[in-house]
N, C-alpha and C. Protein backbone atom coordinates (compact mmCIF):
# COMPACT_ATOMS: atom_id res chain seq x y z
N UNK A 1 -6.91 -35.79 4.80
CA UNK A 1 -5.99 -34.92 5.51
C UNK A 1 -5.06 -35.73 6.40
N UNK A 2 -5.43 -36.94 6.70
CA UNK A 2 -4.63 -37.79 7.57
C UNK A 2 -3.37 -38.28 6.87
N UNK A 3 -3.35 -38.25 5.55
CA UNK A 3 -2.20 -38.76 4.80
C UNK A 3 -1.33 -37.62 4.29
N UNK A 4 -0.93 -36.74 5.17
CA UNK A 4 -0.08 -35.61 4.80
C UNK A 4 1.35 -36.09 4.73
N UNK A 5 2.01 -35.83 3.60
CA UNK A 5 3.37 -36.33 3.39
C UNK A 5 4.43 -35.31 3.79
N UNK A 6 4.12 -34.05 3.74
CA UNK A 6 5.10 -32.99 4.00
C UNK A 6 5.37 -32.89 5.51
N UNK A 7 6.59 -33.16 5.90
CA UNK A 7 6.95 -33.25 7.32
C UNK A 7 6.68 -31.97 8.12
N UNK A 8 7.03 -30.79 7.62
CA UNK A 8 6.72 -29.57 8.39
C UNK A 8 5.22 -29.40 8.66
N UNK A 9 4.40 -29.81 7.70
CA UNK A 9 2.96 -29.71 7.89
C UNK A 9 2.51 -30.71 8.96
N UNK A 10 3.08 -31.89 8.95
CA UNK A 10 2.76 -32.89 9.97
C UNK A 10 3.10 -32.36 11.36
N UNK A 11 4.29 -31.75 11.47
CA UNK A 11 4.72 -31.20 12.76
C UNK A 11 3.77 -30.09 13.22
N UNK A 12 3.39 -29.25 12.30
CA UNK A 12 2.48 -28.15 12.64
C UNK A 12 1.12 -28.68 13.08
N UNK A 13 0.62 -29.68 12.38
CA UNK A 13 -0.66 -30.28 12.75
C UNK A 13 -0.60 -30.91 14.14
N UNK A 14 0.50 -31.60 14.44
CA UNK A 14 0.66 -32.20 15.76
C UNK A 14 0.71 -31.13 16.85
N UNK A 15 1.39 -30.02 16.56
CA UNK A 15 1.49 -28.93 17.53
C UNK A 15 0.11 -28.31 17.78
N UNK A 16 -0.65 -28.14 16.73
CA UNK A 16 -2.01 -27.60 16.87
C UNK A 16 -2.86 -28.53 17.72
N UNK A 17 -2.74 -29.83 17.49
CA UNK A 17 -3.51 -30.79 18.28
C UNK A 17 -3.12 -30.72 19.76
N UNK A 18 -1.81 -30.59 20.03
CA UNK A 18 -1.34 -30.50 21.41
C UNK A 18 -1.90 -29.25 22.08
N UNK A 19 -1.80 -28.13 21.39
CA UNK A 19 -2.28 -26.87 21.96
C UNK A 19 -3.79 -26.89 22.16
N UNK A 20 -4.50 -27.49 21.23
CA UNK A 20 -5.96 -27.56 21.33
C UNK A 20 -6.40 -28.44 22.50
N UNK A 21 -5.58 -29.39 22.86
CA UNK A 21 -5.94 -30.30 23.94
C UNK A 21 -5.77 -29.64 25.32
N UNK A 22 -4.99 -28.57 25.39
CA UNK A 22 -4.72 -27.90 26.66
C UNK A 22 -5.75 -26.80 26.90
N UNK A 23 -6.57 -26.98 27.92
CA UNK A 23 -7.66 -26.05 28.20
C UNK A 23 -7.16 -24.63 28.50
N UNK A 24 -6.09 -24.51 29.25
CA UNK A 24 -5.56 -23.18 29.59
C UNK A 24 -5.04 -22.47 28.34
N UNK A 25 -4.41 -23.19 27.45
CA UNK A 25 -3.91 -22.59 26.21
C UNK A 25 -5.07 -22.11 25.35
N UNK A 26 -6.15 -22.90 25.29
CA UNK A 26 -7.34 -22.48 24.53
C UNK A 26 -7.95 -21.23 25.14
N UNK A 27 -7.99 -21.16 26.46
CA UNK A 27 -8.55 -19.99 27.14
C UNK A 27 -7.71 -18.75 26.84
N UNK A 28 -6.39 -18.91 26.91
CA UNK A 28 -5.50 -17.77 26.63
C UNK A 28 -5.64 -17.30 25.18
N UNK A 29 -5.78 -18.24 24.27
CA UNK A 29 -5.97 -17.88 22.86
C UNK A 29 -7.28 -17.11 22.68
N UNK A 30 -8.32 -17.55 23.36
CA UNK A 30 -9.61 -16.87 23.29
C UNK A 30 -9.50 -15.45 23.83
N UNK A 31 -8.85 -15.30 24.97
CA UNK A 31 -8.69 -13.98 25.59
C UNK A 31 -7.87 -13.06 24.67
N UNK A 32 -6.83 -13.60 24.08
CA UNK A 32 -5.99 -12.81 23.17
C UNK A 32 -6.80 -12.36 21.96
N UNK A 33 -7.56 -13.27 21.37
CA UNK A 33 -8.39 -12.94 20.21
C UNK A 33 -9.38 -11.85 20.55
N UNK A 34 -10.02 -11.98 21.70
CA UNK A 34 -11.01 -10.98 22.12
C UNK A 34 -10.33 -9.61 22.31
N UNK A 35 -9.15 -9.60 22.90
CA UNK A 35 -8.43 -8.34 23.11
C UNK A 35 -8.07 -7.69 21.77
N UNK A 36 -7.65 -8.51 20.81
CA UNK A 36 -7.31 -7.97 19.49
C UNK A 36 -8.55 -7.38 18.80
N UNK A 37 -9.68 -8.08 18.90
CA UNK A 37 -10.92 -7.56 18.31
C UNK A 37 -11.32 -6.25 18.98
N UNK A 38 -11.21 -6.20 20.31
CA UNK A 38 -11.55 -4.98 21.04
C UNK A 38 -10.65 -3.82 20.62
N UNK A 39 -9.37 -4.11 20.43
CA UNK A 39 -8.42 -3.08 20.03
C UNK A 39 -8.78 -2.52 18.65
N UNK A 40 -9.14 -3.39 17.72
CA UNK A 40 -9.54 -2.95 16.39
C UNK A 40 -10.81 -2.12 16.49
N UNK A 41 -11.75 -2.57 17.28
CA UNK A 41 -13.00 -1.85 17.45
C UNK A 41 -12.76 -0.47 18.04
N UNK A 42 -11.93 -0.38 19.05
CA UNK A 42 -11.61 0.90 19.68
C UNK A 42 -10.92 1.82 18.69
N UNK A 43 -9.99 1.27 17.93
CA UNK A 43 -9.26 2.06 16.95
C UNK A 43 -10.22 2.63 15.90
N UNK A 44 -11.15 1.79 15.46
CA UNK A 44 -12.14 2.23 14.47
C UNK A 44 -13.02 3.32 15.04
N UNK A 45 -13.44 3.16 16.28
CA UNK A 45 -14.29 4.15 16.94
C UNK A 45 -13.54 5.47 17.09
N UNK A 46 -12.28 5.42 17.53
CA UNK A 46 -11.50 6.64 17.70
C UNK A 46 -11.30 7.34 16.37
N UNK A 47 -11.05 6.57 15.32
CA UNK A 47 -10.86 7.14 13.99
C UNK A 47 -12.13 7.85 13.53
N UNK A 48 -13.27 7.24 13.81
CA UNK A 48 -14.55 7.83 13.43
C UNK A 48 -14.79 9.14 14.18
N UNK A 49 -14.49 9.15 15.46
CA UNK A 49 -14.67 10.36 16.28
C UNK A 49 -13.75 11.47 15.76
N UNK A 50 -12.50 11.13 15.44
CA UNK A 50 -11.56 12.12 14.93
C UNK A 50 -12.03 12.68 13.59
N UNK A 51 -12.58 11.83 12.74
CA UNK A 51 -13.09 12.28 11.44
C UNK A 51 -14.25 13.25 11.63
N UNK A 52 -15.15 12.93 12.55
CA UNK A 52 -16.29 13.81 12.81
C UNK A 52 -15.83 15.16 13.34
N UNK A 53 -14.82 15.15 14.21
CA UNK A 53 -14.29 16.41 14.74
C UNK A 53 -13.69 17.24 13.62
N UNK A 54 -12.97 16.60 12.71
CA UNK A 54 -12.34 17.31 11.60
C UNK A 54 -13.40 17.94 10.70
N UNK A 55 -14.48 17.23 10.45
CA UNK A 55 -15.56 17.76 9.61
C UNK A 55 -16.21 18.95 10.29
N UNK A 56 -16.47 18.84 11.60
CA UNK A 56 -17.07 19.96 12.34
C UNK A 56 -16.17 21.19 12.29
N UNK A 57 -14.89 20.97 12.51
CA UNK A 57 -13.94 22.08 12.50
C UNK A 57 -13.92 22.74 11.12
N UNK A 58 -13.91 21.91 10.10
CA UNK A 58 -13.89 22.43 8.72
C UNK A 58 -15.15 23.24 8.43
N UNK A 59 -16.31 22.70 8.85
CA UNK A 59 -17.56 23.41 8.62
C UNK A 59 -17.59 24.74 9.37
N UNK A 60 -17.13 24.73 10.60
CA UNK A 60 -17.12 25.97 11.39
C UNK A 60 -16.25 27.03 10.73
N UNK A 61 -15.07 26.63 10.24
CA UNK A 61 -14.18 27.62 9.63
C UNK A 61 -14.74 28.14 8.32
N UNK A 62 -15.45 27.28 7.59
CA UNK A 62 -16.01 27.74 6.31
C UNK A 62 -17.23 28.64 6.53
N UNK A 63 -17.89 28.53 7.67
CA UNK A 63 -19.05 29.36 7.96
C UNK A 63 -18.67 30.73 8.48
N UNK A 64 -17.43 30.94 8.84
CA UNK A 64 -16.99 32.25 9.37
C UNK A 64 -16.73 33.25 8.31
């Protein structure tokens, strides 16, 4: 991997190394990742709750 010939890839690899070396940048990336995971989890939970409500409503109307 050290012998990468494509210049844009070399630049990207150097940028990644620079960002990885900065502790604050790593911390911010971690916090951002965690927030994104939490958002997906919350969205999934809300979707599940809405689905259950819809099923209950449907069952109630069919029982009348």
